[in-house]
Structures are given as C-alpha cells and as structure tokens.
N, C-alpha and C. Protein backbone atom coordinates (compact mmCIF):
# COMPACT_ATOMS: atom_id res chain seq x y z
N UNK A 1 -2.98 43.35 252.60
CA UNK A 1 -3.18 42.88 251.33
C UNK A 1 -4.95 43.51 250.88
N UNK A 2 -4.44 43.29 249.64
CA UNK A 2 -5.43 44.25 249.14
C UNK A 2 -6.34 43.33 249.15
N UNK A 3 -7.59 42.85 248.96
CA UNK A 3 -8.73 42.36 248.86
C UNK A 3 -9.09 42.11 247.61
N UNK A 4 -9.18 43.34 246.32
CA UNK A 4 -9.28 43.52 245.52
C UNK A 4 -8.28 42.83 244.00
N UNK A 5 -6.81 43.64 244.15
CA UNK A 5 -5.82 42.55 243.52
C UNK A 5 -5.14 41.74 244.10
N UNK A 6 -5.13 41.42 245.46
CA UNK A 6 -4.24 40.89 246.30
C UNK A 6 -3.12 40.88 246.64
N UNK A 7 -2.70 42.10 246.11
CA UNK A 7 -1.50 42.48 246.58
C UNK A 7 -0.72 43.40 247.42
N UNK A 8 0.40 43.66 247.76
CA UNK A 8 1.17 44.83 248.92
C UNK A 8 1.52 44.95 248.15
N UNK A 9 2.11 46.31 248.07
CA UNK A 9 0.70 47.48 247.83
C UNK A 9 0.38 47.27 246.75
N UNK A 10 -0.43 47.97 246.75
CA UNK A 10 -1.72 47.56 245.48
C UNK A 10 -0.41 47.73 243.93
N UNK A 11 -1.29 46.64 242.94
CA UNK A 11 -0.73 47.01 241.77
C UNK A 11 -1.53 48.48 240.58
N UNK A 12 -0.73 48.56 239.52
CA UNK A 12 -1.72 50.10 239.33
C UNK A 12 -2.54 49.77 238.47
N UNK A 13 -3.79 50.03 238.47
CA UNK A 13 -5.56 50.34 237.74
C UNK A 13 -5.81 49.85 238.98
N UNK A 14 -5.23 49.09 240.05
CA UNK A 14 -6.49 48.33 240.91
C UNK A 14 -7.43 49.83 242.04
N UNK A 15 -8.59 49.60 241.86
CA UNK A 15 -9.55 50.75 242.88
C UNK A 15 -8.97 51.04 243.58
N UNK A 16 -8.35 49.96 244.76
CA UNK A 16 -7.57 50.05 245.97
C UNK A 16 -6.57 50.96 246.13
N UNK A 17 -5.98 51.49 245.17
CA UNK A 17 -4.63 51.77 245.02
C UNK A 17 -4.44 53.47 245.65
N UNK A 18 -4.08 53.91 246.57
CA UNK A 18 -3.67 55.00 246.84
C UNK A 18 -3.26 55.97 245.57
N UNK A 19 -4.09 56.73 245.30
CA UNK A 19 -3.05 58.51 244.78
C UNK A 19 -2.22 59.16 245.35
N UNK A 20 -1.30 59.79 245.55
CA UNK A 20 -0.51 60.33 245.96
C UNK A 20 -1.24 61.43 246.77
N UNK A 21 -1.02 61.41 247.70
CA UNK A 21 -1.79 62.94 248.56
C UNK A 21 -1.33 64.22 248.16
N UNK A 22 -2.15 65.16 248.39
CA UNK A 22 -1.69 66.80 247.88
C UNK A 22 -1.60 67.45 248.88
N UNK A 23 -1.22 68.03 248.81
CA UNK A 23 -0.23 69.00 249.84
C UNK A 23 -1.94 69.88 251.03
N UNK A 24 -1.67 69.27 251.91
CA UNK A 24 -2.43 69.43 252.96
C UNK A 24 -4.26 68.67 253.18
N UNK A 25 -3.97 68.45 252.15
CA UNK A 25 -4.71 67.08 251.79
C UNK A 25 -5.41 65.91 253.19
N UNK A 26 -5.74 65.48 254.21
CA UNK A 26 -6.46 65.22 254.71
C UNK A 26 -7.25 64.06 254.69
N UNK A 27 -6.08 62.79 255.11
CA UNK A 27 -6.70 61.56 254.58
C UNK A 27 -7.22 60.21 255.79
N UNK A 28 -8.73 60.04 255.43
CA UNK A 28 -9.19 59.15 257.02
C UNK A 28 -9.29 57.90 256.25
N UNK A 29 -8.72 57.54 257.52
CA UNK A 29 -8.90 55.75 257.82
C UNK A 29 -9.14 55.25 258.62
N UNK A 30 -9.98 54.02 258.29
CA UNK A 30 -10.92 53.42 259.05
C UNK A 30 -9.80 52.42 260.64
N UNK A 31 -10.50 52.85 261.23
CA UNK A 31 -9.72 52.88 262.75
C UNK A 31 -9.46 51.35 262.86
N UNK A 32 -10.60 51.03 262.47
CA UNK A 32 -10.13 49.18 262.93
C UNK A 32 -9.47 48.61 261.62
N UNK A 33 -9.59 48.60 260.41
CA UNK A 33 -8.81 47.87 259.28
C UNK A 33 -8.11 48.99 258.28
N UNK A 34 -7.80 50.08 258.69
CA UNK A 34 -7.02 50.77 258.49
C UNK A 34 -7.57 51.57 257.15
N UNK A 35 -8.35 50.76 256.05
CA UNK A 35 -8.40 51.64 255.10
C UNK A 35 -9.11 53.09 254.79
N UNK A 36 -8.02 53.30 253.66
CA UNK A 36 -8.16 54.76 253.40
C UNK A 36 -10.28 54.63 253.04
N UNK A 37 -10.56 55.99 253.97
CA UNK A 37 -12.54 56.34 253.57
C UNK A 37 -12.31 57.28 252.35
N UNK A 38 -12.68 57.21 251.54
CA UNK A 38 -12.80 57.68 250.19
C UNK A 38 -14.46 58.55 250.27
N UNK A 39 -13.75 59.52 249.43
CA UNK A 39 -15.53 60.17 249.26
C UNK A 39 -16.20 59.49 248.69
N UNK A 40 -17.49 59.68 249.44
CA UNK A 40 -19.05 58.79 248.90
C UNK A 40 -19.21 57.54 248.94
N UNK A 41 -17.99 57.15 250.37
CA UNK A 41 -18.05 55.95 250.96
C UNK A 41 -19.15 55.78 251.80
N UNK A 42 -19.39 54.43 252.77
CA UNK A 42 -19.76 54.54 253.47
C UNK A 42 -18.96 54.40 254.54
N UNK A 43 -19.35 55.43 255.41
CA UNK A 43 -18.27 55.69 256.97
C UNK A 43 -19.33 56.12 258.33
N UNK A 44 -18.68 56.26 259.33
CA UNK A 44 -19.16 56.59 260.32
C UNK A 44 -17.96 57.14 261.07
N UNK A 45 -18.60 57.72 261.80
CA UNK A 45 -17.54 58.77 263.04
C UNK A 45 -18.23 58.28 264.75
N UNK A 46 -17.64 58.34 265.70
CA UNK A 46 -18.03 58.31 266.95
C UNK A 46 -16.74 58.61 267.28
N UNK A 47 -16.47 60.07 268.31
CA UNK A 47 -16.04 60.48 268.98
C UNK A 47 -14.64 60.66 268.19
N UNK A 48 -14.98 61.04 267.39
CA UNK A 48 -13.60 61.61 265.89
C UNK A 48 -12.88 60.27 265.87
N UNK A 49 -13.89 58.90 265.37
CA UNK A 49 -12.88 58.28 265.15
C UNK A 49 -13.54 57.51 263.99
N UNK A 50 -12.81 57.26 262.96
CA UNK A 50 -14.10 57.00 261.83
C UNK A 50 -13.57 55.53 261.45
N UNK A 51 -15.20 55.48 260.96
CA UNK A 51 -15.25 53.40 260.45
C UNK A 51 -15.64 53.22 259.24
N UNK A 52 -15.39 52.46 258.50
CA UNK A 52 -15.78 51.68 257.42
C UNK A 52 -16.97 51.14 257.47
N UNK A 53 -18.14 51.84 256.41
CA UNK A 53 -19.26 50.64 256.24
C UNK A 53 -18.98 49.24 256.96
N UNK A 54 -18.21 48.61 256.35
CA UNK A 54 -18.01 47.05 255.62
C UNK A 54 -16.85 46.86 257.36
N UNK A 55 -16.47 47.77 258.25
CA UNK A 55 -16.34 47.35 259.07
C UNK A 55 -17.57 47.14 260.69
N UNK A 56 -17.87 48.83 260.78
CA UNK A 56 -19.39 48.61 261.29
C UNK A 56 -20.42 47.82 260.48
N UNK A 57 -20.80 46.99 259.70
CA UNK A 57 -21.92 46.01 259.06
C UNK A 57 -20.79 44.54 259.59
N UNK A 58 -19.84 44.23 259.74
CA UNK A 58 -19.75 43.34 260.28
C UNK A 58 -19.29 42.89 262.46
N UNK A 59 -19.22 44.11 262.23
CA UNK A 59 -19.55 44.38 264.23
C UNK A 59 -20.28 43.13 264.32
N UNK A 60 -19.69 42.60 266.00
CA UNK A 60 -20.53 42.13 267.10
C UNK A 60 -21.07 43.26 267.40
N UNK A 61 -22.21 42.85 268.16
CA UNK A 61 -22.72 43.84 268.90
C UNK A 61 -22.32 44.03 270.06
N UNK A 62 -21.44 43.49 270.56
CA UNK A 62 -20.39 43.97 271.98
C UNK A 62 -19.75 44.56 271.54
N UNK A 63 -19.30 44.76 270.47
CA UNK A 63 -17.97 45.48 269.75
C UNK A 63 -18.65 47.54 269.43
N UNK A 64 -20.02 47.18 268.91
CA UNK A 64 -20.58 48.03 268.53
C UNK A 64 -20.99 49.14 269.87
N UNK A 65 -21.40 48.35 271.04
CA UNK A 65 -21.79 48.79 272.07
C UNK A 65 -20.49 49.74 272.68
N UNK A 66 -19.40 48.91 272.64
CA UNK A 66 -18.04 49.69 273.26
C UNK A 66 -18.01 51.11 272.24
N UNK A 67 -17.79 50.67 270.93
CA UNK A 67 -17.82 51.31 270.21
C UNK A 67 -18.87 53.19 270.84
N UNK A 68 -19.66 52.71 270.90
CA UNK A 68 -21.01 53.56 271.20
C UNK A 68 -21.19 54.16 272.89
N UNK A 69 -20.04 53.41 273.08
CA UNK A 69 -20.26 53.88 274.99
C UNK A 69 -21.40 53.36 275.42
N UNK A 70 -22.01 52.72 275.34
CA UNK A 70 -23.95 51.85 275.66
C UNK A 70 -23.31 50.98 276.21
N UNK A 71 -24.27 50.59 277.60
CA UNK A 71 -24.45 49.32 278.29
C UNK A 71 -25.62 48.31 277.04
N UNK A 72 -25.52 47.33 277.51
CA UNK A 72 -26.19 46.35 276.54
C UNK A 72 -27.83 46.40 277.28
N UNK A 73 -28.18 46.69 278.45
CA UNK A 73 -29.40 47.12 278.97
C UNK A 73 -30.62 48.11 278.60
N UNK A 74 -29.44 49.30 278.88
CA UNK A 74 -29.48 50.42 278.13
C UNK A 74 -30.23 50.43 276.62
N UNK A 75 -29.09 49.69 275.45
CA UNK A 75 -29.72 49.89 274.06
C UNK A 75 -30.61 49.29 273.82
N UNK A 76 -30.76 48.15 274.78
CA UNK A 76 -32.37 46.94 274.88
C UNK A 76 -33.55 47.57 275.08
N UNK A 77 -33.86 48.60 276.29
CA UNK A 77 -34.60 49.37 276.89
C UNK A 77 -35.05 50.52 275.17
N UNK A 78 -34.08 51.02 275.16
CA UNK A 78 -34.11 52.36 274.01
C UNK A 78 -35.15 51.80 272.68
N UNK A 79 -34.73 50.06 272.09
CA UNK A 79 -35.47 49.81 271.07
C UNK A 79 -36.55 49.10 271.26
N UNK A 80 -37.24 48.76 272.77
CA UNK A 80 -37.93 48.45 273.13
C UNK A 80 -38.94 46.83 273.05
N UNK A 81 -37.45 46.69 273.26
CA UNK A 81 -36.96 44.60 273.64
C UNK A 81 -36.63 44.52 275.49
N UNK A 82 -37.83 43.73 275.88
CA UNK A 82 -37.93 43.85 277.25
C UNK A 82 -37.36 42.43 277.62
N UNK A 83 -36.63 42.32 278.99
CA UNK A 83 -37.21 40.61 279.11
C UNK A 83 -38.24 40.12 279.49
N UNK A 84 -38.35 39.17 279.26
CA UNK A 84 -39.57 38.35 279.73
C UNK A 84 -39.50 37.61 280.65
N UNK A 85 -39.96 38.27 281.69
CA UNK A 85 -40.23 37.59 283.63
C UNK A 85 -40.82 36.11 283.60
N UNK A 86 -40.01 35.32 283.88
CA UNK A 86 -41.48 33.94 283.83
C UNK A 86 -41.17 33.01 285.53
C-alpha cells in the first residue's frame, strides 16, 4: 500500500504512482522495501543492490553491518571506538 495515497495501486495524481516504463528504460527498486528509486532521490548501492535513503536510515546496526559485510568490532575500531578495559 502506498504511504502517500493509502491505495494499492496508487491513485492518479499520487506522486508515488509509477509512470509507464519507456522501452529500454531501467527502473531500480530498493532491495529492502521494493520502492522505485527515482532520479534525484536519496539512494545507495552496495554490490549492485540498491537501497532507498529511508530504508538505510531506518536500519539497525546489525542490518547495516550485514549489507556492508563488516564485523561489528572492525567497524568500531575503524571509527575509533575502543572497548573500556576495567
């Protein structure tokens, strides 16, 4: 269901409504939510997998680490967060 018009498929005039695909046109979709990634919108790609900005912003740390193929300890070390030894 569309978040803007609350219908599926979108009603005419909805900004999220997909326009007809032109021959040869490639349409990217977010791997997580399936939303169409429009030109100029915030989007990211990792290993050929596109993600919309909203999904990236809402992901927890474990999900982001999985996408980036990183271990938590490695990330923490890279950004300078060191464990406190007590």
